[in-house]
C-alpha atoms as a PDB file:
ATOM      1  CA  MET A   1     -59.486  -3.847   2.732  1.00  0.00           C
ATOM      2  CA  LYS A   2     -59.907  -6.589   0.269  1.00  0.00           C
ATOM      3  CA  ALA A   3     -58.242  -6.326  -3.220  1.00  0.00           C
ATOM      4  CA  TYR A   4     -60.493  -7.409  -6.270  1.00  0.00           C
ATOM      5  CA  PRO A   5     -59.144  -8.115  -9.746  1.00  0.00           C
ATOM      6  CA  PRO A   6     -59.718  -5.308 -12.197  1.00  0.00           C
ATOM      7  CA  VAL A   7     -63.087  -5.814 -14.157  1.00  0.00           C
ATOM      8  CA  PRO A   8     -62.177  -6.096 -17.757  1.00  0.00           C
ATOM      9  CA  GLU A   9     -63.845  -3.695 -20.402  1.00  0.00           C
ATOM     10  CA  VAL A  10     -66.631  -5.332 -21.956  1.00  0.00           C
ATOM     11  CA  PHE A  11     -67.957  -4.198 -25.417  1.00  0.00           C
ATOM     12  CA  THR A  12     -71.005  -2.135 -25.379  1.00  0.00           C
ATOM     13  CA  ALA A  13     -72.994  -2.199 -28.545  1.00  0.00           C
ATOM     14  CA  HIS A  14     -72.656   1.308 -30.225  1.00  0.00           C
ATOM     15  CA  MET A  15     -76.316   2.674 -31.445  1.00  0.00           C
ATOM     16  CA  ASN A  16     -74.900   4.197 -34.479  1.00  0.00           C
ATOM     17  CA  LEU A  17     -73.303   1.116 -35.704  1.00  0.00           C
ATOM     18  CA  SER A  18     -75.222  -1.731 -37.366  1.00  0.00           C
ATOM     19  CA  ASP A  19     -75.992  -4.989 -35.506  1.00  0.00           C
ATOM     20  CA  THR A  20     -73.826  -6.855 -38.116  1.00  0.00           C
ATOM     21  CA  ILE A  21     -70.666  -4.539 -36.912  1.00  0.00           C
ATOM     22  CA  ASN A  22     -71.750  -4.501 -33.132  1.00  0.00           C
ATOM     23  CA  HIS A  23     -71.807  -8.400 -33.476  1.00  0.00           C
ATOM     24  CA  ASN A  24     -68.417  -8.678 -35.234  1.00  0.00           C
ATOM     25  CA  VAL A  25     -66.562  -6.479 -32.622  1.00  0.00           C
ATOM     26  CA  ALA A  26     -68.248  -8.471 -29.551  1.00  0.00           C
ATOM     27  CA  GLN A  27     -67.238 -11.561 -31.476  1.00  0.00           C
ATOM     28  CA  SER A  28     -63.571 -10.627 -31.845  1.00  0.00           C
ATOM     29  CA  GLU A  29     -63.402 -10.127 -27.883  1.00  0.00           C
ATOM     30  CA  ILE A  30     -64.744 -13.589 -26.976  1.00  0.00           C
ATOM     31  CA  GLU A  31     -62.781 -15.173 -29.848  1.00  0.00           C
ATOM     32  CA  GLY A  32     -59.654 -13.495 -28.392  1.00  0.00           C
ATOM     33  CA  GLY A  33     -56.264 -12.004 -29.889  1.00  0.00           C
ATOM     34  CA  VAL A  34     -53.578  -9.661 -29.291  1.00  0.00           C
ATOM     35  CA  TYR A  35     -52.775  -6.377 -29.660  1.00  0.00           C
ATOM     36  CA  LEU A  36     -49.284  -5.326 -31.033  1.00  0.00           C
ATOM     37  CA  ARG A  37     -48.776  -3.012 -28.189  1.00  0.00           C
ATOM     38  CA  ASP A  38     -48.942  -6.024 -25.821  1.00  0.00           C
ATOM     39  CA  LEU A  39     -46.034  -7.688 -27.232  1.00  0.00           C
ATOM     40  CA  SER A  40     -42.549  -6.938 -27.005  1.00  0.00           C
ATOM     41  CA  GLU A  41     -39.955  -6.593 -29.624  1.00  0.00           C
ATOM     42  CA  GLY A  42     -38.650  -9.816 -30.495  1.00  0.00           C
ATOM     43  CA  ASP A  43     -41.476 -11.727 -29.043  1.00  0.00           C
ATOM     44  CA  ALA A  44     -42.566 -14.241 -31.592  1.00  0.00           C
ATOM     45  CA  ILE A  45     -46.098 -15.501 -32.174  1.00  0.00           C
ATOM     46  CA  GLU A  46     -47.404 -17.866 -35.093  1.00  0.00           C
ATOM     47  CA  ILE A  47     -50.515 -17.216 -36.779  1.00  0.00           C
ATOM     48  CA  GLU A  48     -52.392 -20.144 -38.292  1.00  0.00           C
ATOM     49  CA  THR A  49     -54.497 -19.022 -41.008  1.00  0.00           C
ATOM     50  CA  GLU A  50     -57.098 -21.562 -42.730  1.00  0.00           C
ATOM     51  CA  ASN A  51     -54.309 -21.942 -45.516  1.00  0.00           C
ATOM     52  CA  HIS A  52     -50.695 -20.895 -44.220  1.00  0.00           C
ATOM     53  CA  LEU A  53     -48.769 -20.620 -41.055  1.00  0.00           C
ATOM     54  CA  TYR A  54     -47.328 -17.503 -40.372  1.00  0.00           C
ATOM     55  CA  THR A  55     -44.571 -16.475 -37.835  1.00  0.00           C
ATOM     56  CA  LEU A  56     -44.465 -12.824 -36.929  1.00  0.00           C
ATOM     57  CA  VAL A  57     -41.894 -10.846 -34.834  1.00  0.00           C
ATOM     58  CA  PRO A  58     -42.751  -7.166 -33.464  1.00  0.00           C
ATOM     59  CA  CYS A  59     -39.889  -4.831 -34.582  1.00  0.00           C
ATOM     60  CA  GLY A  60     -41.594  -1.835 -32.712  1.00  0.00           C
ATOM     61  CA  SER A  61     -44.692   0.364 -33.839  1.00  0.00           C
ATOM     62  CA  ARG A  62     -46.684  -1.426 -36.379  1.00  0.00           C
ATOM     63  CA  GLU A  63     -43.885  -3.063 -38.384  1.00  0.00           C
ATOM     64  CA  ALA A  64     -42.812  -6.678 -37.758  1.00  0.00           C
ATOM     65  CA  LEU A  65     -41.066  -9.516 -39.384  1.00  0.00           C
ATOM     66  CA  LEU A  66     -43.302 -12.006 -41.165  1.00  0.00           C
ATOM     67  CA  CYS A  67     -43.019 -15.283 -42.600  1.00  0.00           C
ATOM     68  CA  GLY A  68     -44.980 -18.145 -44.021  1.00  0.00           C
ATOM     69  CA  HIS A  69     -46.569 -17.315 -47.220  1.00  0.00           C
ATOM     70  CA  PRO A  70     -44.770 -19.016 -50.213  1.00  0.00           C
ATOM     71  CA  ASP A  71     -45.411 -16.182 -52.476  1.00  0.00           C
ATOM     72  CA  PHE A  72     -45.466 -12.760 -50.458  1.00  0.00           C
ATOM     73  CA  CYS A  73     -42.997 -13.882 -47.532  1.00  0.00           C
ATOM     74  CA  PRO A  74     -41.302 -17.100 -47.745  1.00  0.00           C
ATOM     75  CA  GLU A  75     -38.505 -15.565 -46.018  1.00  0.00           C
ATOM     76  CA  PRO A  76     -38.844 -12.958 -43.174  1.00  0.00           C
ATOM     77  CA  VAL A  77     -39.563  -9.605 -44.460  1.00  0.00           C
ATOM     78  CA  ARG A  78     -40.356  -6.403 -42.588  1.00  0.00           C
ATOM     79  CA  VAL A  79     -44.007  -5.495 -42.990  1.00  0.00           C
ATOM     80  CA  VAL A  80     -46.602  -2.841 -41.533  1.00  0.00           C
ATOM     81  CA  ILE A  81     -49.221  -4.388 -39.496  1.00  0.00           C
ATOM     82  CA  HIS A  82     -52.530  -2.619 -40.260  1.00  0.00           C
ATOM     83  CA  GLY A  83     -54.685  -4.866 -37.975  1.00  0.00           C
ATOM     84  CA  SER A  84     -57.359  -7.405 -38.637  1.00  0.00           C
ATOM     85  CA  THR A  85     -60.599  -7.105 -40.540  1.00  0.00           C
ATOM     86  CA  TRP A  86     -63.702  -9.227 -40.936  1.00  0.00           C
ATOM     87  CA  GLY A  87     -63.441  -9.311 -44.687  1.00  0.00           C
ATOM     88  CA  GLY A  88     -64.702  -5.895 -45.535  1.00  0.00           C
ATOM     89  CA  ALA A  89     -63.371  -2.258 -45.034  1.00  0.00           C
ATOM     90  CA  MET A  90     -63.655  -2.367 -41.314  1.00  0.00           C
ATOM     91  CA  LEU A  91     -60.672  -2.775 -39.436  1.00  0.00           C
ATOM     92  CA  LYS A  92     -59.650  -3.338 -35.874  1.00  0.00           C
ATOM     93  CA  GLU A  93     -56.299  -1.576 -35.932  1.00  0.00           C
ATOM     94  CA  ALA A  94     -52.961  -2.929 -34.693  1.00  0.00           C
ATOM     95  CA  PHE A  95     -54.961  -6.247 -33.534  1.00  0.00           C
ATOM     96  CA  ILE A  96     -54.488  -9.820 -34.700  1.00  0.00           C
ATOM     97  CA  GLY A  97     -57.670 -11.765 -33.889  1.00  0.00           C
ATOM     98  CA  ARG A  98     -58.865 -15.187 -34.164  1.00  0.00           C
ATOM     99  CA  GLY A  99     -61.518 -15.494 -36.631  1.00  0.00           C
ATOM    100  CA  MET A 100     -60.596 -12.278 -38.443  1.00  0.00           C
ATOM    101  CA  HIS A 101     -58.167 -11.663 -41.548  1.00  0.00           C
ATOM    102  CA  LEU A 102     -54.872 -10.346 -40.956  1.00  0.00           C
ATOM    103  CA  GLU A 103     -54.142  -7.146 -43.050  1.00  0.00           C
ATOM    104  CA  PHE A 104     -50.381  -5.862 -43.532  1.00  0.00           C
ATOM    105  CA  SER A 105     -48.448  -3.693 -46.031  1.00  0.00           C
ATOM    106  CA  HIS A 106     -45.806  -5.650 -48.003  1.00  0.00           C
ATOM    107  CA  PRO A 107     -42.726  -3.172 -49.358  1.00  0.00           C
ATOM    108  CA  ALA A 108     -42.838  -5.177 -52.765  1.00  0.00           C
ATOM    109  CA  TYR A 109     -46.629  -4.644 -53.098  1.00  0.00           C
ATOM    110  CA  PRO A 110     -48.741  -1.270 -53.459  1.00  0.00           C
ATOM    111  CA  LEU A 111     -52.053  -2.791 -52.108  1.00  0.00           C
ATOM    112  CA  PRO A 112     -52.477  -4.212 -48.737  1.00  0.00           C
ATOM    113  CA  ILE A 113     -52.187  -8.093 -48.366  1.00  0.00           C
ATOM    114  CA  THR A 114     -55.217  -9.713 -46.535  1.00  0.00           C
ATOM    115  CA  THR A 115     -54.681 -13.456 -45.133  1.00  0.00           C
ATOM    116  CA  SER A 116     -57.369 -15.785 -44.968  1.00  0.00           C
ATOM    117  CA  ARG A 117     -58.893 -16.447 -41.524  1.00  0.00           C
ATOM    118  CA  ILE A 118     -57.197 -16.716 -38.709  1.00  0.00           C
ATOM    119  CA  VAL A 119     -57.653 -20.005 -36.588  1.00  0.00           C
ATOM    120  CA  LYS A 120     -55.143 -20.014 -34.218  1.00  0.00           C
ATOM    121  CA  ILE A 121     -52.565 -17.715 -32.624  1.00  0.00           C
ATOM    122  CA  ARG A 122     -49.709 -18.899 -30.482  1.00  0.00           C
ATOM    123  CA  ALA A 123     -46.540 -17.255 -28.600  1.00  0.00           C
ATOM    124  CA  ASN A 124     -43.807 -18.986 -29.199  1.00  0.00           C
ATOM    125  CA  GLN A 125     -40.646 -17.829 -27.297  1.00  0.00           C
ATOM    126  CA  GLN A 126     -38.489 -20.466 -28.901  1.00  0.00           C
ATOM    127  CA  LEU A 127     -38.873 -19.111 -32.499  1.00  0.00           C
ATOM    128  CA  SER A 128     -36.399 -16.668 -33.668  1.00  0.00           C
ATOM    129  CA  VAL A 129     -36.804 -15.007 -37.143  1.00  0.00           C
ATOM    130  CA  ALA A 130     -33.931 -12.894 -38.575  1.00  0.00           C
ATOM    131  CA  ALA A 131     -34.272 -10.474 -41.661  1.00  0.00           C
END
């Protein structure tokens, strides 16, 4: 019996969502990204946005050490990653996606912080970030 690779799940448009939302969800799968659950604690990834280069190191659950923003996190700070958004209220939870905006909670700020559009995501095993 010949073994075949698993067939990836492909997004199917939902009839109760608008064409714009269905398009954005499908586009996020095309552009790609990473779910936090697929990262191991201590793995480092670089997230390049239109304005900054962040380093993120997962700390379990949705927490991560994040640095790279000159005002919010010039040094590594423990944040809670909400996920990625297209710039509105809809959020793809615990996902970091190209073409989207990362949303996270910072312990020193009452409201969630949303980055500029993510341009690239790179795994970087050689980075280490300490809090």
